[in-house]
Structure formats: structure tokens, C-alpha cells
Amino acid sequence: MYGEIKKFRSDLGIGVIRAEDGRAYRFEGSDIRNRFEELEGKEVHFELGELKARDIIVLAGSPWSAFGSIGL
């Protein structure tokens, strides 16, 4: 599913994604597969698990950023 990160509290490690279906889903920062400094406003692709977003990939920057840091 696709959506946009509407809110992220780095101090708590939680946020909210507004999905393409119009619903809001909570997520934990540890479910983001590639890291960015500023998350709010970023488009993402994610899976749903127990009404929470998981396996989140931020769709910004180079396509290779989806793989995160691989020690290059």
C-alpha cells in the first residue's frame, strides 16, 4: 500500500501514515527499512500487519536507498 508520513515523533519512535485508502495507520520507527533524517511529508510504500504499518520503504532519493546501508 502507498501513503504519506503525516507525523513522526522521533523522541517516541512512533508516527502516522495517511494511506491511499484515506485511513491513518500508526507505525514504529523500527519498521522503516531505509532511514531519512526528515520523515514527515515523505511518500512511502508499506504492508499492513494487525492494523499497523510495517515493512515501510521511504520513496525518496535514489532508488538504491530502498536497500539501506549495505556497507559500500
N, C-alpha and C. Protein backbone atom coordinates (compact mmCIF):
# COMPACT_ATOMS: atom_id res chain seq x y z
N MET A 1 0.84 -1.16 0.00
CA MET A 1 0.00 0.00 0.00
C MET A 1 0.90 1.24 0.00
N TYR A 2 0.40 2.33 -0.56
CA TYR A 2 1.15 3.58 -0.60
C TYR A 2 0.52 4.61 0.32
N GLY A 3 1.33 5.56 0.78
CA GLY A 3 0.82 6.62 1.64
C GLY A 3 1.87 7.69 1.86
N GLU A 4 1.59 8.56 2.82
CA GLU A 4 2.49 9.66 3.16
C GLU A 4 2.61 9.75 4.68
N ILE A 5 3.83 9.95 5.15
CA ILE A 5 4.04 10.11 6.59
C ILE A 5 3.54 11.50 6.97
N LYS A 6 2.52 11.54 7.81
CA LYS A 6 1.93 12.80 8.24
C LYS A 6 2.55 13.31 9.53
N LYS A 7 2.97 12.41 10.38
CA LYS A 7 3.54 12.80 11.67
C LYS A 7 4.53 11.75 12.11
N PHE A 8 5.67 12.21 12.66
CA PHE A 8 6.62 11.28 13.25
C PHE A 8 7.25 11.93 14.46
N ARG A 9 7.16 11.26 15.60
CA ARG A 9 7.77 11.74 16.84
C ARG A 9 9.04 10.93 17.08
N SER A 10 10.18 11.53 16.75
CA SER A 10 11.45 10.81 16.91
C SER A 10 11.75 10.52 18.38
N ASP A 11 11.27 11.38 19.29
CA ASP A 11 11.51 11.14 20.70
C ASP A 11 10.78 9.91 21.22
N LEU A 12 9.64 9.58 20.59
CA LEU A 12 8.87 8.39 20.97
C LEU A 12 9.07 7.22 20.01
N GLY A 13 9.58 7.53 18.81
CA GLY A 13 9.79 6.48 17.81
C GLY A 13 8.52 5.98 17.16
N ILE A 14 7.47 6.83 17.12
CA ILE A 14 6.20 6.42 16.51
C ILE A 14 5.71 7.51 15.55
N GLY A 15 4.84 7.11 14.62
CA GLY A 15 4.30 8.06 13.67
C GLY A 15 3.00 7.59 13.08
N VAL A 16 2.50 8.40 12.12
CA VAL A 16 1.23 8.12 11.46
C VAL A 16 1.41 8.29 9.96
N ILE A 17 0.90 7.30 9.22
CA ILE A 17 0.89 7.35 7.75
C ILE A 17 -0.56 7.52 7.30
N ARG A 18 -0.80 8.47 6.39
CA ARG A 18 -2.11 8.60 5.74
C ARG A 18 -2.00 7.81 4.45
N ALA A 19 -2.77 6.73 4.34
CA ALA A 19 -2.68 5.80 3.22
C ALA A 19 -3.56 6.24 2.05
N GLU A 20 -3.33 5.61 0.91
CA GLU A 20 -4.09 5.91 -0.30
C GLU A 20 -5.57 5.57 -0.14
N ASP A 21 -5.91 4.72 0.82
CA ASP A 21 -7.31 4.39 1.06
C ASP A 21 -8.00 5.41 1.98
N GLY A 22 -7.26 6.47 2.38
CA GLY A 22 -7.81 7.52 3.21
C GLY A 22 -7.71 7.29 4.70
N ARG A 23 -7.27 6.10 5.09
CA ARG A 23 -7.15 5.78 6.51
C ARG A 23 -5.78 6.16 7.04
N ALA A 24 -5.71 6.32 8.35
CA ALA A 24 -4.44 6.61 9.02
C ALA A 24 -3.97 5.36 9.74
N TYR A 25 -2.69 5.06 9.60
CA TYR A 25 -2.11 3.88 10.25
C TYR A 25 -0.91 4.30 11.07
N ARG A 26 -0.84 3.82 12.28
CA ARG A 26 0.32 4.07 13.14
C ARG A 26 1.47 3.17 12.72
N PHE A 27 2.68 3.62 13.06
CA PHE A 27 3.86 2.79 12.79
C PHE A 27 4.94 3.10 13.81
N GLU A 28 5.86 2.20 13.91
CA GLU A 28 7.04 2.39 14.77
C GLU A 28 8.23 2.67 13.89
N GLY A 29 9.11 3.54 14.34
CA GLY A 29 10.29 3.90 13.57
C GLY A 29 11.14 2.71 13.18
N SER A 30 11.13 1.67 14.00
CA SER A 30 11.93 0.47 13.71
C SER A 30 11.40 -0.29 12.50
N ASP A 31 10.17 0.02 12.03
CA ASP A 31 9.61 -0.64 10.85
C ASP A 31 10.02 0.03 9.54
N ILE A 32 10.78 1.12 9.62
CA ILE A 32 11.26 1.79 8.40
C ILE A 32 12.53 1.09 7.94
N ARG A 33 12.52 0.63 6.70
CA ARG A 33 13.64 -0.17 6.18
C ARG A 33 14.80 0.68 5.66
N ASN A 34 14.55 1.91 5.27
CA ASN A 34 15.62 2.81 4.85
C ASN A 34 15.44 4.12 5.61
N ARG A 35 16.51 4.70 6.08
CA ARG A 35 16.44 5.83 7.00
C ARG A 35 16.62 7.17 6.30
N PHE A 36 15.87 8.14 6.78
CA PHE A 36 15.97 9.52 6.34
C PHE A 36 15.90 10.40 7.57
N GLU A 37 16.56 11.56 7.50
CA GLU A 37 16.54 12.49 8.63
C GLU A 37 15.14 13.04 8.87
N GLU A 38 14.52 13.57 7.84
CA GLU A 38 13.19 14.17 7.96
C GLU A 38 12.17 13.25 7.32
N LEU A 39 11.27 12.70 8.10
CA LEU A 39 10.30 11.73 7.59
C LEU A 39 8.95 12.34 7.22
N GLU A 40 8.54 13.38 7.93
CA GLU A 40 7.22 13.95 7.66
C GLU A 40 7.13 14.47 6.23
N GLY A 41 6.04 14.10 5.56
CA GLY A 41 5.81 14.52 4.19
C GLY A 41 6.37 13.56 3.15
N LYS A 42 7.12 12.55 3.57
CA LYS A 42 7.70 11.59 2.63
C LYS A 42 6.66 10.56 2.20
N GLU A 43 6.69 10.23 0.91
CA GLU A 43 5.83 9.16 0.41
C GLU A 43 6.47 7.82 0.74
N VAL A 44 5.63 6.83 1.03
CA VAL A 44 6.12 5.53 1.46
C VAL A 44 5.30 4.40 0.83
N HIS A 45 5.91 3.24 0.80
CA HIS A 45 5.21 2.00 0.48
C HIS A 45 5.32 1.15 1.74
N PHE A 46 4.22 0.46 2.11
CA PHE A 46 4.24 -0.33 3.33
C PHE A 46 3.25 -1.49 3.24
N GLU A 47 3.40 -2.41 4.17
CA GLU A 47 2.50 -3.54 4.33
C GLU A 47 1.68 -3.31 5.59
N LEU A 48 0.51 -3.91 5.65
CA LEU A 48 -0.31 -3.83 6.86
C LEU A 48 -0.15 -5.09 7.69
N GLY A 49 -0.05 -4.89 8.98
CA GLY A 49 0.02 -6.01 9.91
C GLY A 49 -0.69 -5.64 11.19
N GLU A 50 -1.79 -6.29 11.49
CA GLU A 50 -2.56 -6.02 12.70
C GLU A 50 -2.91 -4.55 12.85
N LEU A 51 -3.40 -3.95 11.76
CA LEU A 51 -3.85 -2.56 11.70
C LEU A 51 -2.72 -1.54 11.91
N LYS A 52 -1.47 -1.97 11.78
CA LYS A 52 -0.33 -1.07 11.84
C LYS A 52 0.48 -1.21 10.56
N ALA A 53 1.12 -0.12 10.18
CA ALA A 53 2.02 -0.17 9.03
C ALA A 53 3.32 -0.86 9.43
N ARG A 54 3.86 -1.68 8.53
CA ARG A 54 5.13 -2.35 8.79
C ARG A 54 5.87 -2.50 7.47
N ASP A 55 7.13 -2.87 7.53
CA ASP A 55 7.97 -3.02 6.33
C ASP A 55 7.85 -1.78 5.44
N ILE A 56 8.13 -0.62 6.03
CA ILE A 56 7.96 0.67 5.37
C ILE A 56 9.21 1.03 4.57
N ILE A 57 9.01 1.42 3.32
CA ILE A 57 10.10 1.90 2.47
C ILE A 57 9.78 3.33 2.07
N VAL A 58 10.70 4.25 2.41
CA VAL A 58 10.55 5.65 2.05
C VAL A 58 10.88 5.80 0.57
N LEU A 59 9.98 6.41 -0.19
CA LEU A 59 10.15 6.57 -1.63
C LEU A 59 10.70 7.96 -1.94
N ALA A 60 11.98 8.16 -1.64
CA ALA A 60 12.64 9.45 -1.88
C ALA A 60 14.10 9.20 -2.18
N GLY A 61 14.69 10.08 -2.96
CA GLY A 61 16.11 9.96 -3.26
C GLY A 61 16.37 8.88 -4.29
N SER A 62 17.54 8.34 -4.25
CA SER A 62 17.97 7.31 -5.18
C SER A 62 17.18 6.02 -4.96
N PRO A 63 16.85 5.29 -6.03
CA PRO A 63 16.18 4.01 -5.85
C PRO A 63 16.99 3.04 -4.98
N TRP A 64 18.31 3.21 -4.96
CA TRP A 64 19.17 2.33 -4.17
C TRP A 64 19.00 2.57 -2.68
N SER A 65 18.43 3.72 -2.29
CA SER A 65 18.24 3.98 -0.86
C SER A 65 17.26 3.02 -0.23
N ALA A 66 16.43 2.38 -1.03
CA ALA A 66 15.48 1.40 -0.50
C ALA A 66 16.19 0.21 0.12
N PHE A 67 17.45 0.00 -0.25
CA PHE A 67 18.21 -1.13 0.29
C PHE A 67 18.96 -0.76 1.56
N GLY A 68 18.89 0.52 1.94
CA GLY A 68 19.57 0.96 3.15
C GLY A 68 21.07 0.91 2.99
N SER A 69 21.76 0.98 4.08
CA SER A 69 23.22 0.94 4.07
C SER A 69 23.68 -0.51 3.99
N ILE A 70 24.44 -0.83 2.96
CA ILE A 70 24.92 -2.21 2.79
C ILE A 70 26.43 -2.29 2.90
N GLY A 71 27.01 -1.25 3.51
CA GLY A 71 28.44 -1.29 3.76
C GLY A 71 29.32 -1.02 2.54
N LEU A 72 28.86 -0.19 1.65
CA LEU A 72 29.69 0.15 0.48
C LEU A 72 30.69 1.21 0.81
